[in-house]
Amino acid sequence: MPNTITIHPTGIYTADDLCAMLDVSPATLAEARRAGDLRATRKGRRWIYLGEWVLTWLRATPREEVRRDL
């Protein structure tokens, strides 16, 4: 049985925190930010995520990926 991860809606998380907790790469978070799927704010050199923003992103229906044939 997989471990349960708890993300508190009022919690404040860094990109490093989320990468470790969710087992995703920094590129995954960056892509979600750029696409507007994951809300974030920048403080100095760090990206900061509120727990409620992360939960909204995780609950969202995935977008259909556009296939580009070259």
PDB file of N, CA and C in Angstrom:
ATOM      1  N   MET A   1       0.842  -1.175   0.000  1.00  0.00           N
ATOM      2  CA  MET A   1       0.000   0.000   0.000  1.00  0.00           C
ATOM      3  C   MET A   1       0.888   1.240   0.000  1.00  0.00           C
ATOM      4  N   PRO A   2       0.612   2.224  -0.875  1.00  0.00           N
ATOM      5  CA  PRO A   2       1.453   3.410  -0.931  1.00  0.00           C
ATOM      6  C   PRO A   2       1.299   4.276   0.315  1.00  0.00           C
ATOM      7  N   ASN A   3       2.333   5.052   0.574  1.00  0.00           N
ATOM      8  CA  ASN A   3       2.279   5.978   1.699  1.00  0.00           C
ATOM      9  C   ASN A   3       1.280   7.088   1.414  1.00  0.00           C
ATOM     10  N   THR A   4       0.648   7.572   2.460  1.00  0.00           N
ATOM     11  CA  THR A   4      -0.286   8.680   2.331  1.00  0.00           C
ATOM     12  C   THR A   4       0.479   9.980   2.507  1.00  0.00           C
ATOM     13  N   ILE A   5       0.205  10.914   1.618  1.00  0.00           N
ATOM     14  CA  ILE A   5       0.834  12.232   1.685  1.00  0.00           C
ATOM     15  C   ILE A   5      -0.234  13.218   2.107  1.00  0.00           C
ATOM     16  N   THR A   6       0.081  14.048   3.075  1.00  0.00           N
ATOM     17  CA  THR A   6      -0.854  15.065   3.528  1.00  0.00           C
ATOM     18  C   THR A   6      -0.347  16.438   3.118  1.00  0.00           C
ATOM     19  N   ILE A   7      -1.153  17.128   2.347  1.00  0.00           N
ATOM     20  CA  ILE A   7      -0.854  18.512   1.977  1.00  0.00           C
ATOM     21  C   ILE A   7      -1.907  19.370   2.649  1.00  0.00           C
ATOM     22  N   HIS A   8      -1.466  20.241   3.536  1.00  0.00           N
ATOM     23  CA  HIS A   8      -2.375  21.101   4.273  1.00  0.00           C
ATOM     24  C   HIS A   8      -2.723  22.325   3.438  1.00  0.00           C
ATOM     25  N   PRO A   9      -3.999  22.651   3.309  1.00  0.00           N
ATOM     26  CA  PRO A   9      -4.404  23.793   2.491  1.00  0.00           C
ATOM     27  C   PRO A   9      -3.746  25.110   2.909  1.00  0.00           C
ATOM     28  N   THR A  10      -3.430  25.257   4.176  1.00  0.00           N
ATOM     29  CA  THR A  10      -2.799  26.502   4.640  1.00  0.00           C
ATOM     30  C   THR A  10      -1.280  26.392   4.703  1.00  0.00           C
ATOM     31  N   GLY A  11      -0.750  25.248   4.315  1.00  0.00           N
ATOM     32  CA  GLY A  11       0.699  25.043   4.345  1.00  0.00           C
ATOM     33  C   GLY A  11       1.395  25.822   3.236  1.00  0.00           C
ATOM     34  N   ILE A  12       2.666  26.087   3.457  1.00  0.00           N
ATOM     35  CA  ILE A  12       3.505  26.771   2.473  1.00  0.00           C
ATOM     36  C   ILE A  12       4.617  25.800   2.099  1.00  0.00           C
ATOM     37  N   TYR A  13       4.776  25.565   0.795  1.00  0.00           N
ATOM     38  CA  TYR A  13       5.716  24.569   0.305  1.00  0.00           C
ATOM     39  C   TYR A  13       6.658  25.177  -0.727  1.00  0.00           C
ATOM     40  N   THR A  14       7.880  24.687  -0.730  1.00  0.00           N
ATOM     41  CA  THR A  14       8.831  25.075  -1.772  1.00  0.00           C
ATOM     42  C   THR A  14       8.786  24.025  -2.880  1.00  0.00           C
ATOM     43  N   ALA A  15       9.414  24.336  -3.999  1.00  0.00           N
ATOM     44  CA  ALA A  15       9.487  23.375  -5.099  1.00  0.00           C
ATOM     45  C   ALA A  15      10.197  22.105  -4.629  1.00  0.00           C
ATOM     46  N   ASP A  16      11.259  22.257  -3.856  1.00  0.00           N
ATOM     47  CA  ASP A  16      11.977  21.085  -3.335  1.00  0.00           C
ATOM     48  C   ASP A  16      11.071  20.211  -2.467  1.00  0.00           C
ATOM     49  N   ASP A  17      10.250  20.856  -1.630  1.00  0.00           N
ATOM     50  CA  ASP A  17       9.303  20.115  -0.786  1.00  0.00           C
ATOM     51  C   ASP A  17       8.367  19.276  -1.650  1.00  0.00           C
ATOM     52  N   LEU A  18       7.783  19.921  -2.663  1.00  0.00           N
ATOM     53  CA  LEU A  18       6.800  19.225  -3.499  1.00  0.00           C
ATOM     54  C   LEU A  18       7.433  18.123  -4.327  1.00  0.00           C
ATOM     55  N   CYS A  19       8.623  18.367  -4.837  1.00  0.00           N
ATOM     56  CA  CYS A  19       9.311  17.330  -5.616  1.00  0.00           C
ATOM     57  C   CYS A  19       9.521  16.080  -4.765  1.00  0.00           C
ATOM     58  N   ALA A  20       9.940  16.282  -3.527  1.00  0.00           N
ATOM     59  CA  ALA A  20      10.189  15.150  -2.635  1.00  0.00           C
ATOM     60  C   ALA A  20       8.883  14.469  -2.222  1.00  0.00           C
ATOM     61  N   MET A  21       7.859  15.255  -1.897  1.00  0.00           N
ATOM     62  CA  MET A  21       6.597  14.698  -1.421  1.00  0.00           C
ATOM     63  C   MET A  21       5.831  13.956  -2.515  1.00  0.00           C
ATOM     64  N   LEU A  22       5.810  14.548  -3.717  1.00  0.00           N
ATOM     65  CA  LEU A  22       4.986  14.005  -4.800  1.00  0.00           C
ATOM     66  C   LEU A  22       5.766  13.146  -5.782  1.00  0.00           C
ATOM     67  N   ASP A  23       7.078  13.070  -5.603  1.00  0.00           N
ATOM     68  CA  ASP A  23       7.947  12.312  -6.499  1.00  0.00           C
ATOM     69  C   ASP A  23       7.791  12.787  -7.949  1.00  0.00           C
ATOM     70  N   VAL A  24       7.860  14.109  -8.113  1.00  0.00           N
ATOM     71  CA  VAL A  24       7.842  14.714  -9.445  1.00  0.00           C
ATOM     72  C   VAL A  24       9.134  15.499  -9.631  1.00  0.00           C
ATOM     73  N   SER A  25       9.471  15.763 -10.859  1.00  0.00           N
ATOM     74  CA  SER A  25      10.691  16.512 -11.142  1.00  0.00           C
ATOM     75  C   SER A  25      10.424  18.010 -11.077  1.00  0.00           C
ATOM     76  N   PRO A  26      11.474  18.794 -10.889  1.00  0.00           N
ATOM     77  CA  PRO A  26      11.311  20.250 -10.944  1.00  0.00           C
ATOM     78  C   PRO A  26      10.744  20.704 -12.294  1.00  0.00           C
ATOM     79  N   ALA A  27      11.073  19.985 -13.345  1.00  0.00           N
ATOM     80  CA  ALA A  27      10.559  20.332 -14.677  1.00  0.00           C
ATOM     81  C   ALA A  27       9.038  20.158 -14.740  1.00  0.00           C
ATOM     82  N   THR A  28       8.505  19.173 -14.047  1.00  0.00           N
ATOM     83  CA  THR A  28       7.057  18.962 -14.018  1.00  0.00           C
ATOM     84  C   THR A  28       6.364  20.146 -13.364  1.00  0.00           C
ATOM     85  N   LEU A  29       6.913  20.621 -12.256  1.00  0.00           N
ATOM     86  CA  LEU A  29       6.336  21.783 -11.584  1.00  0.00           C
ATOM     87  C   LEU A  29       6.447  23.025 -12.462  1.00  0.00           C
ATOM     88  N   ALA A  30       7.604  23.204 -13.087  1.00  0.00           N
ATOM     89  CA  ALA A  30       7.814  24.368 -13.950  1.00  0.00           C
ATOM     90  C   ALA A  30       6.844  24.355 -15.126  1.00  0.00           C
ATOM     91  N   GLU A  31       6.645  23.200 -15.712  1.00  0.00           N
ATOM     92  CA  GLU A  31       5.717  23.079 -16.845  1.00  0.00           C
ATOM     93  C   GLU A  31       4.292  23.418 -16.412  1.00  0.00           C
ATOM     94  N   ALA A  32       3.885  22.931 -15.253  1.00  0.00           N
ATOM     95  CA  ALA A  32       2.543  23.214 -14.738  1.00  0.00           C
ATOM     96  C   ALA A  32       2.380  24.703 -14.431  1.00  0.00           C
ATOM     97  N   ARG A  33       3.430  25.339 -13.894  1.00  0.00           N
ATOM     98  CA  ARG A  33       3.389  26.787 -13.641  1.00  0.00           C
ATOM     99  C   ARG A  33       3.230  27.561 -14.936  1.00  0.00           C
ATOM    100  N   ARG A  34       4.081  27.245 -15.923  1.00  0.00           N
ATOM    101  CA  ARG A  34       4.048  27.966 -17.199  1.00  0.00           C
ATOM    102  C   ARG A  34       2.720  27.784 -17.932  1.00  0.00           C
ATOM    103  N   ALA A  35       2.119  26.606 -17.800  1.00  0.00           N
ATOM    104  CA  ALA A  35       0.838  26.334 -18.456  1.00  0.00           C
ATOM    105  C   ALA A  35      -0.331  27.002 -17.722  1.00  0.00           C
ATOM    106  N   GLY A  36      -0.053  27.511 -16.525  1.00  0.00           N
ATOM    107  CA  GLY A  36      -1.106  28.140 -15.738  1.00  0.00           C
ATOM    108  C   GLY A  36      -1.944  27.146 -14.948  1.00  0.00           C
ATOM    109  N   ASP A  37      -1.496  25.908 -14.895  1.00  0.00           N
ATOM    110  CA  ASP A  37      -2.228  24.867 -14.165  1.00  0.00           C
ATOM    111  C   ASP A  37      -1.935  24.881 -12.671  1.00  0.00           C
ATOM    112  N   LEU A  38      -0.747  25.315 -12.308  1.00  0.00           N
ATOM    113  CA  LEU A  38      -0.317  25.330 -10.907  1.00  0.00           C
ATOM    114  C   LEU A  38       0.073  26.749 -10.530  1.00  0.00           C
ATOM    115  N   ARG A  39      -0.659  27.303  -9.608  1.00  0.00           N
ATOM    116  CA  ARG A  39      -0.384  28.664  -9.152  1.00  0.00           C
ATOM    117  C   ARG A  39       0.838  28.652  -8.238  1.00  0.00           C
ATOM    118  N   ALA A  40       1.640  29.706  -8.332  1.00  0.00           N
ATOM    119  CA  ALA A  40       2.847  29.827  -7.505  1.00  0.00           C
ATOM    120  C   ALA A  40       3.230  31.295  -7.409  1.00  0.00           C
ATOM    121  N   THR A  41       4.075  31.591  -6.459  1.00  0.00           N
ATOM    122  CA  THR A  41       4.619  32.937  -6.333  1.00  0.00           C
ATOM    123  C   THR A  41       6.118  32.809  -6.128  1.00  0.00           C
ATOM    124  N   ARG A  42       6.822  33.807  -6.544  1.00  0.00           N
ATOM    125  CA  ARG A  42       8.276  33.771  -6.418  1.00  0.00           C
ATOM    126  C   ARG A  42       8.710  34.719  -5.305  1.00  0.00           C
ATOM    127  N   LYS A  43       9.506  34.215  -4.413  1.00  0.00           N
ATOM    128  CA  LYS A  43      10.080  35.004  -3.321  1.00  0.00           C
ATOM    129  C   LYS A  43      11.591  34.832  -3.386  1.00  0.00           C
ATOM    130  N   GLY A  44      12.274  35.877  -3.814  1.00  0.00           N
ATOM    131  CA  GLY A  44      13.715  35.764  -4.021  1.00  0.00           C
ATOM    132  C   GLY A  44      13.977  34.802  -5.158  1.00  0.00           C
ATOM    133  N   ARG A  45      14.765  33.783  -4.891  1.00  0.00           N
ATOM    134  CA  ARG A  45      15.084  32.782  -5.911  1.00  0.00           C
ATOM    135  C   ARG A  45      14.219  31.537  -5.819  1.00  0.00           C
ATOM    136  N   ARG A  46      13.294  31.521  -4.875  1.00  0.00           N
ATOM    137  CA  ARG A  46      12.489  30.320  -4.647  1.00  0.00           C
ATOM    138  C   ARG A  46      11.056  30.491  -5.129  1.00  0.00           C
ATOM    139  N   TRP A  47      10.508  29.398  -5.635  1.00  0.00           N
ATOM    140  CA  TRP A  47       9.092  29.335  -5.945  1.00  0.00           C
ATOM    141  C   TRP A  47       8.377  28.822  -4.708  1.00  0.00           C
ATOM    142  N   ILE A  48       7.290  29.489  -4.341  1.00  0.00           N
ATOM    143  CA  ILE A  48       6.515  29.137  -3.162  1.00  0.00           C
ATOM    144  C   ILE A  48       5.111  28.737  -3.612  1.00  0.00           C
ATOM    145  N   TYR A  49       4.598  27.682  -3.013  1.00  0.00           N
ATOM    146  CA  TYR A  49       3.276  27.163  -3.352  1.00  0.00           C
ATOM    147  C   TYR A  49       2.441  27.052  -2.084  1.00  0.00           C
ATOM    148  N   LEU A  50       1.230  27.564  -2.116  1.00  0.00           N
ATOM    149  CA  LEU A  50       0.313  27.358  -1.004  1.00  0.00           C
ATOM    150  C   LEU A  50      -0.340  25.988  -1.171  1.00  0.00           C
ATOM    151  N   GLY A  51      -0.613  25.348  -0.059  1.00  0.00           N
ATOM    152  CA  GLY A  51      -1.206  24.022  -0.106  1.00  0.00           C
ATOM    153  C   GLY A  51      -2.498  23.969  -0.904  1.00  0.00           C
ATOM    154  N   GLU A  52      -3.342  25.002  -0.767  1.00  0.00           N
ATOM    155  CA  GLU A  52      -4.609  24.993  -1.502  1.00  0.00           C
ATOM    156  C   GLU A  52      -4.372  25.044  -3.010  1.00  0.00           C
ATOM    157  N   TRP A  53      -3.305  25.726  -3.454  1.00  0.00           N
ATOM    158  CA  TRP A  53      -2.983  25.778  -4.884  1.00  0.00           C
ATOM    159  C   TRP A  53      -2.548  24.395  -5.379  1.00  0.00           C
ATOM    160  N   VAL A  54      -1.758  23.713  -4.567  1.00  0.00           N
ATOM    161  CA  VAL A  54      -1.278  22.379  -4.939  1.00  0.00           C
ATOM    162  C   VAL A  54      -2.448  21.405  -5.006  1.00  0.00           C
ATOM    163  N   LEU A  55      -3.336  21.462  -4.029  1.00  0.00           N
ATOM    164  CA  LEU A  55      -4.494  20.572  -4.016  1.00  0.00           C
ATOM    165  C   LEU A  55      -5.400  20.819  -5.217  1.00  0.00           C
ATOM    166  N   THR A  56      -5.582  22.069  -5.585  1.00  0.00           N
ATOM    167  CA  THR A  56      -6.385  22.397  -6.769  1.00  0.00           C
ATOM    168  C   THR A  56      -5.751  21.787  -8.014  1.00  0.00           C
ATOM    169  N   TRP A  57      -4.444  21.893  -8.123  1.00  0.00           N
ATOM    170  CA  TRP A  57      -3.709  21.333  -9.273  1.00  0.00           C
ATOM    171  C   TRP A  57      -3.850  19.808  -9.316  1.00  0.00           C
ATOM    172  N   LEU A  58      -3.722  19.169  -8.166  1.00  0.00           N
ATOM    173  CA  LEU A  58      -3.803  17.707  -8.118  1.00  0.00           C
ATOM    174  C   LEU A  58      -5.215  17.194  -8.414  1.00  0.00           C
ATOM    175  N   ARG A  59      -6.220  17.965  -8.052  1.00  0.00           N
ATOM    176  CA  ARG A  59      -7.607  17.546  -8.278  1.00  0.00           C
ATOM    177  C   ARG A  59      -8.095  17.820  -9.688  1.00  0.00           C
ATOM    178  N   ALA A  60      -7.402  18.677 -10.403  1.00  0.00           N
ATOM    179  CA  ALA A  60      -7.842  19.094 -11.739  1.00  0.00           C
ATOM    180  C   ALA A  60      -7.801  17.923 -12.723  1.00  0.00           C
ATOM    181  N   THR A  61      -8.703  17.981 -13.675  1.00  0.00           N
ATOM    182  CA  THR A  61      -8.713  17.003 -14.752  1.00  0.00           C
ATOM    183  C   THR A  61      -7.537  17.308 -15.673  1.00  0.00           C
ATOM    184  N   PRO A  62      -6.745  16.309 -16.032  1.00  0.00           N
ATOM    185  CA  PRO A  62      -5.601  16.570 -16.903  1.00  0.00           C
ATOM    186  C   PRO A  62      -6.045  17.114 -18.257  1.00  0.00           C
ATOM    187  N   ARG A  63      -5.248  18.019 -18.776  1.00  0.00           N
ATOM    188  CA  ARG A  63      -5.517  18.544 -20.108  1.00  0.00           C
ATOM    189  C   ARG A  63      -5.182  17.483 -21.142  1.00  0.00           C
ATOM    190  N   GLU A  64      -5.869  17.560 -22.255  1.00  0.00           N
ATOM    191  CA  GLU A  64      -5.532  16.674 -23.369  1.00  0.00           C
ATOM    192  C   GLU A  64      -4.231  17.176 -23.973  1.00  0.00           C
ATOM    193  N   GLU A  65      -3.283  16.282 -24.128  1.00  0.00           N
ATOM    194  CA  GLU A  65      -2.019  16.684 -24.721  1.00  0.00           C
ATOM    195  C   GLU A  65      -2.177  16.758 -26.236  1.00  0.00           C
ATOM    196  N   VAL A  66      -1.567  17.795 -26.791  1.00  0.00           N
ATOM    197  CA  VAL A  66      -1.606  17.967 -28.233  1.00  0.00           C
ATOM    198  C   VAL A  66      -0.438  17.205 -28.827  1.00  0.00           C
ATOM    199  N   ARG A  67      -0.764  16.302 -29.728  1.00  0.00           N
ATOM    200  CA  ARG A  67       0.301  15.511 -30.365  1.00  0.00           C
ATOM    201  C   ARG A  67       0.791  16.257 -31.601  1.00  0.00           C
ATOM    202  N   ARG A  68       2.069  16.435 -31.655  1.00  0.00           N
ATOM    203  CA  ARG A  68       2.663  17.139 -32.785  1.00  0.00           C
ATOM    204  C   ARG A  68       3.517  16.167 -33.571  1.00  0.00           C
ATOM    205  N   ASP A  69       3.046  15.819 -34.734  1.00  0.00           N
ATOM    206  CA  ASP A  69       3.827  14.939 -35.597  1.00  0.00           C
ATOM    207  C   ASP A  69       4.780  15.784 -36.398  1.00  0.00           C
ATOM    208  N   LEU A  70       6.037  15.402 -36.346  1.00  0.00           N
ATOM    209  CA  LEU A  70       7.055  16.164 -37.080  1.00  0.00           C
ATOM    210  C   LEU A  70       7.332  15.534 -38.411  1.00  0.00           C
TER     211      LEU A  70
END
